[in-house]
Amino acid sequence: MPQKKHRDILIQEELEHRILHGLACEWENALWALEPSLRNSISKPLFSLRDMKTRWGYWSGEKNEICLNRNLVLNHSWDAVCEILLHEMAHQLTEKVFHCTDASPHGQVFKKTCFLLKANPKASGDYRPLDEQVSKDSPNPEDKILIRVKKLMALAQSQNQHEAEAAMAKAHELILKYNVDLLSRDAPRHFLSIFLGKLALRHFREDYSLSNLLQTYYFVYGIWVPAYVIEKGKMGRVLEISGTVQNIRMASYVHDFIKYFIDIQWDLYNRGKGLNRYRKTDFAVGVIEGFRSKLNIHKSAEGAGKNQHGLIQINDPLLTEHFKYKHPKTMSVKGKVLRNNRHILKDGVDIGKKLVIYKGISKKGTDRRLLS
């Protein structure tokens, strides 16, 4: 066997070993959605990966095993993997805890179990994984909104600062009107919840500032949830956002754009200075706050004299209901800022005030691009 091929096999074996460990950790974490009596009534199954063409995974009561599709775990996002895992875990509970083995594997008892686990009863068969639902084009007529936003974002690349600012403001106004119209018509809405950003053991202050900005201005709910970090081999945390597909696509793009903008601007700002990672946090928080102040100005302008909703916080009761279903027990924790450099923070704010979201960035290794 050639040396390179042998090395690649060993690398994949190590990766799959870590993934299997991650599935076991996620399985244990999912148990906390259950009451103690149910939690103590089930034992951890075996986990395996197999090449499968027609399904994403299965539960085998005979082997006490949850098996997932190798293509799923290697080529799709971790939130997509966890969704399928929860579905198969619901089958396990249905059989082992509720002792239901009727002819309809997705019957009423199974649906009840999915409700308890916060699992998706539809996540099987020809179901499209979460990352594909967010990234791939769909025939939904509401996607026309995103097409118009995309055109406005393209105009925001203008070298003329005034034209760029006006195009971005118009795009945000369009997003606002889209959501106001959904609520006023009480139109049917389908919500998804996805992981956004990096799964990590530790997140910096700017990550929390950015998540708050997305929730305030881009019509999604955000919460930090436990998630397995493959490269570290242990549970960490990740930002999960919930909303309509259209709003998730927009929020995802804005999240990645701002992170990209901060990295580029920090490299320029720090050239020759040798500032450490904590000073980058000060700079990044400043950029986000500067951009937030710009959005506040846009909202004020939209509301002034137009009988618009520029100054009103738009809350979708159905999204609130979806979020409370997924996370019935939540709590807020405020951390203490140990120290910051006010000069660097202010410099970041000044740069953030000039930030214009426009079409064009792409990130290798992810397919969640709205405007690429």
Protein backbone atom coordinates (compact mmCIF):
# COMPACT_ATOMS: atom_id res chain seq x y z
CA MET A 1 0.00 0.00 0.00
CA PRO A 2 1.44 3.44 -0.95
CA GLN A 3 2.56 5.47 2.06
CA LYS A 4 0.26 8.45 1.34
CA LYS A 5 -2.82 6.22 1.00
CA HIS A 6 -1.93 4.45 4.24
CA ARG A 7 -1.55 7.82 5.98
CA ASP A 8 -4.92 9.02 4.65
CA ILE A 9 -6.61 5.86 5.94
CA LEU A 10 -5.12 6.39 9.38
CA ILE A 11 -6.27 10.02 9.37
CA GLN A 12 -9.84 9.03 8.43
CA GLU A 13 -9.85 6.29 11.07
CA GLU A 14 -8.81 8.83 13.73
CA LEU A 15 -11.46 11.27 12.51
CA GLU A 16 -14.19 8.63 12.59
CA HIS A 17 -13.10 7.55 16.06
CA ARG A 18 -13.51 11.14 17.27
CA ILE A 19 -16.89 11.44 15.55
CA LEU A 20 -18.13 8.27 17.25
CA HIS A 21 -17.01 9.67 20.58
CA GLY A 22 -18.82 12.89 19.69
CA LEU A 23 -22.05 11.00 18.96
CA ALA A 24 -21.85 9.37 22.38
CA CYS A 25 -21.32 12.78 24.03
CA GLU A 26 -24.22 14.34 22.12
CA TRP A 27 -26.44 11.38 23.05
CA GLU A 28 -25.66 11.95 26.74
CA ASN A 29 -26.30 15.67 26.42
CA ALA A 30 -29.68 15.05 24.72
CA LEU A 31 -30.85 13.01 27.70
CA TRP A 32 -31.12 16.19 29.79
CA ALA A 33 -34.24 17.15 27.83
CA LEU A 34 -36.00 14.22 29.55
CA GLU A 35 -37.44 13.87 33.02
CA PRO A 36 -35.17 11.94 35.44
CA SER A 37 -37.43 8.87 35.43
CA LEU A 38 -37.09 8.54 31.64
CA ARG A 39 -33.43 9.51 31.68
CA ASN A 40 -32.63 6.68 34.07
CA SER A 41 -34.62 4.12 32.09
CA ILE A 42 -32.37 3.98 29.04
CA SER A 43 -28.83 2.75 28.52
CA LYS A 44 -26.26 4.13 26.12
CA PRO A 45 -26.27 2.28 22.77
CA LEU A 46 -23.39 1.36 20.52
CA PHE A 47 -22.56 3.83 17.75
CA SER A 48 -21.36 3.01 14.27
CA LEU A 49 -20.83 4.52 10.82
CA ARG A 50 -21.71 2.80 7.55
CA ASP A 51 -21.91 3.61 3.86
CA MET A 52 -25.62 3.88 3.02
CA LYS A 53 -27.36 5.14 -0.11
CA THR A 54 -31.01 5.40 0.93
CA ARG A 55 -31.05 6.57 4.55
CA TRP A 56 -29.19 8.85 6.91
CA GLY A 57 -29.22 6.48 9.85
CA TYR A 58 -31.09 3.76 11.73
CA TRP A 59 -31.71 2.32 15.17
CA SER A 60 -31.30 -1.41 15.70
CA GLY A 61 -33.00 -2.71 18.83
CA GLU A 62 -31.54 -6.15 18.30
CA LYS A 63 -27.97 -4.82 18.35
CA ASN A 64 -28.73 -1.88 20.69
CA GLU A 65 -27.02 0.29 18.07
CA ILE A 66 -27.45 3.70 16.44
CA CYS A 67 -25.81 3.78 13.04
CA LEU A 68 -25.30 6.94 10.98
CA ASN A 69 -24.45 7.39 7.33
CA ARG A 70 -20.70 7.91 6.82
CA ASN A 71 -21.34 10.52 4.13
CA LEU A 72 -23.52 12.47 6.55
CA VAL A 73 -20.92 12.73 9.30
CA LEU A 74 -18.00 13.43 6.96
CA ASN A 75 -19.59 15.87 4.53
CA HIS A 76 -22.36 17.70 6.39
CA SER A 77 -22.44 20.17 9.26
CA TRP A 78 -22.46 18.97 12.87
CA ASP A 79 -25.93 20.37 13.55
CA ALA A 80 -27.22 18.28 10.60
CA VAL A 81 -25.55 15.21 12.13
CA CYS A 82 -27.08 15.92 15.55
CA GLU A 83 -30.56 16.27 14.06
CA ILE A 84 -30.36 12.78 12.54
CA LEU A 85 -28.87 11.40 15.77
CA LEU A 86 -31.81 12.77 17.78
CA HIS A 87 -34.27 11.19 15.35
CA GLU A 88 -32.66 7.76 15.79
CA MET A 89 -32.47 8.29 19.54
CA ALA A 90 -36.24 8.87 19.49
CA HIS A 91 -36.64 5.44 17.87
CA GLN A 92 -34.50 3.97 20.65
CA LEU A 93 -36.66 5.52 23.39
CA THR A 94 -39.86 4.52 21.63
CA GLU A 95 -38.81 0.88 21.68
CA LYS A 96 -36.78 0.59 24.88
CA VAL A 97 -38.63 2.97 27.22
CA PHE A 98 -42.18 3.09 25.85
CA HIS A 99 -42.05 -0.54 24.58
CA CYS A 100 -43.70 0.35 21.30
CA THR A 101 -42.81 -1.77 18.27
CA ASP A 102 -45.93 -1.31 16.17
CA ALA A 103 -46.00 -1.58 12.40
CA SER A 104 -45.83 2.20 11.98
CA PRO A 105 -42.30 3.25 13.03
CA HIS A 106 -43.28 6.93 12.89
CA GLY A 107 -46.60 6.59 14.69
CA GLN A 108 -48.09 8.55 17.57
CA VAL A 109 -45.81 7.16 20.28
CA PHE A 110 -42.76 8.00 18.21
CA LYS A 111 -44.04 11.55 17.64
CA LYS A 112 -44.59 11.92 21.38
CA THR A 113 -41.02 10.78 22.00
CA CYS A 114 -39.73 13.29 19.43
CA PHE A 115 -41.60 16.02 21.29
CA LEU A 116 -39.91 15.04 24.55
CA LEU A 117 -36.44 14.94 22.98
CA LYS A 118 -36.96 18.03 20.78
CA ALA A 119 -36.21 15.75 17.82
CA ASN A 120 -37.45 16.17 14.26
CA PRO A 121 -39.86 13.30 13.37
CA LYS A 122 -39.32 14.03 9.65
CA ALA A 123 -35.53 13.63 9.68
CA SER A 124 -35.36 10.35 7.76
CA GLY A 125 -35.78 8.93 4.27
CA ASP A 126 -35.27 11.60 1.60
CA TYR A 127 -35.08 14.39 4.21
CA ARG A 128 -32.63 17.15 3.27
CA PRO A 129 -29.99 17.75 5.97
CA LEU A 130 -30.09 21.12 7.72
CA ASP A 131 -27.08 22.59 5.94
CA GLU A 132 -28.59 21.79 2.53
CA GLN A 133 -31.92 23.36 3.49
CA VAL A 134 -30.16 26.60 4.38
CA SER A 135 -27.61 26.74 1.58
CA LYS A 136 -29.40 25.34 -1.48
CA ASP A 137 -31.82 27.27 -3.65
CA SER A 138 -35.49 26.45 -3.26
CA PRO A 139 -38.63 27.25 -5.30
CA ASN A 140 -40.17 29.12 -2.35
CA PRO A 141 -41.60 32.41 -3.69
CA GLU A 142 -40.40 34.15 -0.54
CA ASP A 143 -36.85 33.67 -1.80
CA LYS A 144 -37.59 36.50 -4.24
CA ILE A 145 -37.02 38.74 -1.23
CA LEU A 146 -33.48 37.43 -0.96
CA ILE A 147 -32.91 37.98 -4.68
CA ARG A 148 -33.83 41.65 -4.26
CA VAL A 149 -31.63 41.90 -1.17
CA LYS A 150 -28.80 40.32 -3.14
CA LYS A 151 -29.12 42.97 -5.86
CA LEU A 152 -29.03 45.73 -3.27
CA MET A 153 -26.00 44.20 -1.60
CA ALA A 154 -24.27 44.17 -4.99
CA LEU A 155 -24.92 47.92 -5.27
CA ALA A 156 -23.42 48.31 -1.79
CA GLN A 157 -20.00 47.48 -3.28
CA SER A 158 -19.98 50.95 -4.87
CA GLN A 159 -16.81 52.97 -4.34
CA ASN A 160 -19.08 55.92 -3.60
CA GLN A 161 -19.61 55.74 0.17
CA HIS A 162 -22.97 57.52 0.00
CA GLU A 163 -24.30 55.10 -2.66
CA ALA A 164 -22.99 52.09 -0.72
CA GLU A 165 -24.61 53.29 2.52
CA ALA A 166 -27.92 53.96 0.75
CA ALA A 167 -27.98 50.48 -0.85
CA MET A 168 -27.28 48.73 2.45
CA ALA A 169 -29.94 50.81 4.22
CA LYS A 170 -32.46 49.92 1.51
CA ALA A 171 -31.63 46.22 1.88
CA HIS A 172 -32.25 46.38 5.63
CA GLU A 173 -35.50 48.24 5.04
CA LEU A 174 -36.60 45.47 2.66
CA ILE A 175 -35.79 42.79 5.24
CA LEU A 176 -37.79 44.70 7.84
CA LYS A 177 -40.81 45.07 5.53
CA TYR A 178 -40.67 41.36 4.67
CA ASN A 179 -40.92 40.41 8.34
CA VAL A 180 -43.57 43.00 9.17
CA ASP A 181 -45.63 41.71 6.25
CA LEU A 182 -45.31 38.10 7.45
CA LEU A 183 -46.65 39.09 10.86
CA SER A 184 -49.42 41.35 9.59
CA ARG A 185 -50.74 38.60 7.28
CA ASP A 186 -50.11 35.94 9.93
CA ALA A 187 -48.59 33.93 7.08
CA PRO A 188 -47.52 30.32 7.71
CA ARG A 189 -43.88 30.15 8.80
CA HIS A 190 -41.45 27.25 8.95
CA PHE A 191 -38.58 27.64 11.39
CA LEU A 192 -35.18 26.01 11.47
CA SER A 193 -32.46 26.02 14.12
CA ILE A 194 -28.83 25.83 13.00
CA PHE A 195 -25.36 26.17 14.49
CA LEU A 196 -23.59 29.36 13.49
CA GLY A 197 -19.89 30.07 13.77
CA LYS A 198 -17.21 27.96 15.35
CA LEU A 199 -17.79 25.11 17.78
CA ALA A 200 -15.24 25.79 20.51
CA LEU A 201 -14.40 25.26 24.16
CA ARG A 202 -14.11 29.00 24.64
CA HIS A 203 -15.59 32.03 22.87
CA PHE A 204 -14.39 35.61 23.04
CA ARG A 205 -16.44 38.63 24.06
CA GLU A 206 -16.95 39.75 20.47
CA ASP A 207 -18.75 36.47 19.68
CA TYR A 208 -21.39 37.31 22.27
CA SER A 209 -21.65 40.91 21.04
CA LEU A 210 -22.17 39.68 17.49
CA SER A 211 -24.81 37.14 18.51
CA ASN A 212 -26.70 39.89 20.32
CA LEU A 213 -26.57 42.12 17.23
CA LEU A 214 -27.99 39.35 15.03
CA GLN A 215 -30.87 38.75 17.41
CA THR A 216 -31.64 42.47 17.66
CA TYR A 217 -31.62 43.35 13.96
CA TYR A 218 -31.94 40.22 11.84
CA PHE A 219 -35.10 38.48 13.11
CA VAL A 220 -33.52 35.37 14.61
CA TYR A 221 -33.32 34.06 18.15
CA GLY A 222 -29.92 33.02 19.42
CA ILE A 223 -28.75 30.84 22.29
CA TRP A 224 -25.41 29.27 23.20
CA VAL A 225 -25.78 25.49 23.39
CA PRO A 226 -23.48 22.55 24.22
CA ALA A 227 -21.88 20.91 21.17
CA TYR A 228 -19.04 18.48 20.58
CA VAL A 229 -15.77 20.00 19.36
CA ILE A 230 -14.19 17.34 17.16
CA GLU A 231 -10.64 18.71 17.14
CA LYS A 232 -10.62 18.91 20.95
CA GLY A 233 -12.45 15.64 21.60
CA LYS A 234 -14.81 17.13 24.20
CA MET A 235 -18.01 19.11 24.60
CA GLY A 236 -17.84 22.86 24.06
CA ARG A 237 -20.39 25.43 22.96
CA VAL A 238 -21.76 26.99 19.79
CA LEU A 239 -24.25 29.68 18.86
CA GLU A 240 -27.58 28.27 17.68
CA ILE A 241 -29.93 30.60 15.81
CA SER A 242 -33.60 29.96 15.03
CA GLY A 243 -35.77 31.64 12.42
CA THR A 244 -37.24 31.32 8.94
CA VAL A 245 -34.89 30.00 6.26
CA GLN A 246 -34.77 33.47 4.68
CA ASN A 247 -33.80 35.18 7.94
CA ILE A 248 -31.31 32.46 8.86
CA ARG A 249 -29.59 32.87 5.50
CA MET A 250 -29.36 36.61 5.99
CA ALA A 251 -28.15 36.39 9.60
CA SER A 252 -25.58 33.72 8.65
CA TYR A 253 -24.19 35.89 5.89
CA VAL A 254 -23.99 38.98 8.09
CA HIS A 255 -22.27 36.94 10.83
CA ASP A 256 -19.60 35.64 8.46
CA PHE A 257 -19.16 39.01 6.75
CA ILE A 258 -18.56 40.86 10.02
CA LYS A 259 -16.13 38.21 11.26
CA TYR A 260 -14.26 38.44 7.95
CA PHE A 261 -14.27 42.26 8.07
CA ILE A 262 -12.90 42.27 11.64
CA ASP A 263 -10.04 39.91 10.72
CA ILE A 264 -9.02 42.04 7.72
CA GLN A 265 -9.25 45.33 9.58
CA TRP A 266 -7.39 43.97 12.61
CA ASP A 267 -4.49 42.80 10.45
CA LEU A 268 -4.22 46.33 9.03
CA TYR A 269 -4.66 48.02 12.42
CA ASN A 270 -2.18 45.78 14.25
CA ARG A 271 0.56 45.93 11.60
CA GLY A 272 3.79 46.78 13.36
CA LYS A 273 2.11 47.11 16.78
CA GLY A 274 2.35 43.54 18.11
CA LEU A 275 -0.89 43.77 20.10
CA ASN A 276 -2.16 40.57 21.75
CA ARG A 277 -5.41 38.60 21.32
CA TYR A 278 -7.20 40.46 24.11
CA ARG A 279 -6.66 43.77 22.33
CA LYS A 280 -8.21 42.22 19.20
CA THR A 281 -11.30 41.55 21.32
CA ASP A 282 -11.46 45.24 22.29
CA PHE A 283 -11.11 46.20 18.64
CA ALA A 284 -13.72 43.66 17.47
CA VAL A 285 -16.29 44.68 20.11
CA GLY A 286 -15.74 48.28 19.01
CA VAL A 287 -16.36 47.40 15.35
CA ILE A 288 -19.61 45.63 16.24
CA GLU A 289 -20.79 48.50 18.42
CA GLY A 290 -19.93 50.98 15.69
CA PHE A 291 -21.96 48.99 13.18
CA ARG A 292 -24.81 48.72 15.72
CA SER A 293 -24.90 52.53 16.03
CA LYS A 294 -25.21 52.77 12.24
CA LEU A 295 -28.15 50.34 12.23
CA ASN A 296 -29.81 52.40 14.96
CA ILE A 297 -29.50 55.50 12.80
CA HIS A 298 -31.03 53.63 9.84
CA LYS A 299 -33.93 52.44 11.98
CA SER A 300 -34.53 55.97 13.24
CA ALA A 301 -34.52 57.31 9.69
CA GLU A 302 -36.99 54.66 8.55
CA GLY A 303 -39.34 55.49 11.40
CA ALA A 304 -39.19 59.26 11.08
CA GLY A 305 -42.27 60.68 9.39
CA LYS A 306 -43.08 57.50 7.47
CA ASN A 307 -45.29 55.65 9.92
CA GLN A 308 -42.81 52.77 9.51
CA HIS A 309 -41.70 50.24 12.10
CA GLY A 310 -38.14 51.53 12.32
CA LEU A 311 -38.09 52.04 16.09
CA ILE A 312 -40.23 49.03 17.01
CA GLN A 313 -38.74 45.72 18.12
CA ILE A 314 -40.40 43.12 15.88
CA ASN A 315 -41.28 39.95 17.78
CA ASP A 316 -42.72 36.93 16.03
CA PRO A 317 -44.96 35.00 18.48
CA LEU A 318 -44.61 31.78 16.44
CA LEU A 319 -40.82 32.04 16.53
CA THR A 320 -41.01 32.67 20.27
CA GLU A 321 -43.13 29.54 20.61
CA HIS A 322 -40.66 27.51 18.51
CA PHE A 323 -37.75 28.75 20.62
CA LYS A 324 -39.47 27.99 23.93
CA TYR A 325 -40.31 24.50 22.68
CA LYS A 326 -36.67 23.80 21.84
CA HIS A 327 -35.29 25.48 24.96
CA PRO A 328 -37.90 25.50 27.74
CA LYS A 329 -35.29 26.12 30.43
CA THR A 330 -33.00 29.04 29.69
CA MET A 331 -31.04 31.45 31.83
CA SER A 332 -28.99 34.59 31.25
CA VAL A 333 -25.45 34.84 32.54
CA LYS A 334 -23.51 38.11 32.49
CA GLY A 335 -19.74 37.98 32.51
CA LYS A 336 -17.45 40.67 33.88
CA VAL A 337 -15.12 42.51 31.53
CA LEU A 338 -11.74 42.26 33.25
CA ARG A 339 -9.98 45.03 31.35
CA ASN A 340 -10.22 46.76 28.03
CA ASN A 341 -8.25 49.35 26.16
CA ARG A 342 -10.56 52.29 25.58
CA HIS A 343 -8.45 53.77 22.80
CA ILE A 344 -8.49 50.53 20.79
CA LEU A 345 -12.21 50.11 21.52
CA LYS A 346 -12.90 53.61 20.18
CA ASP A 347 -10.78 53.00 17.08
CA GLY A 348 -12.85 49.87 16.45
CA VAL A 349 -16.10 51.85 16.84
CA ASP A 350 -14.91 54.41 14.27
CA ILE A 351 -14.11 51.64 11.78
CA GLY A 352 -17.41 49.85 12.51
CA LYS A 353 -19.34 53.01 11.64
CA LYS A 354 -17.91 52.74 8.12
CA LEU A 355 -18.80 49.04 7.71
CA VAL A 356 -21.08 48.29 4.76
CA ILE A 357 -22.44 44.77 4.28
CA TYR A 358 -22.17 43.87 0.62
CA LYS A 359 -22.36 40.86 -1.67
CA GLY A 360 -19.36 38.74 -2.37
CA ILE A 361 -17.57 36.93 0.43
CA SER A 362 -17.25 33.18 0.44
CA LYS A 363 -15.62 30.91 2.95
CA LYS A 364 -13.94 27.68 1.97
CA GLY A 365 -15.38 24.66 3.71
CA THR A 366 -18.90 25.99 4.13
CA ASP A 367 -21.84 26.13 1.77
CA ARG A 368 -23.96 28.54 3.75
CA ARG A 369 -23.66 31.46 1.35
CA LEU A 370 -26.63 33.67 0.70
CA LEU A 371 -24.94 36.29 -1.42
CA SER A 372 -21.94 34.61 -3.03
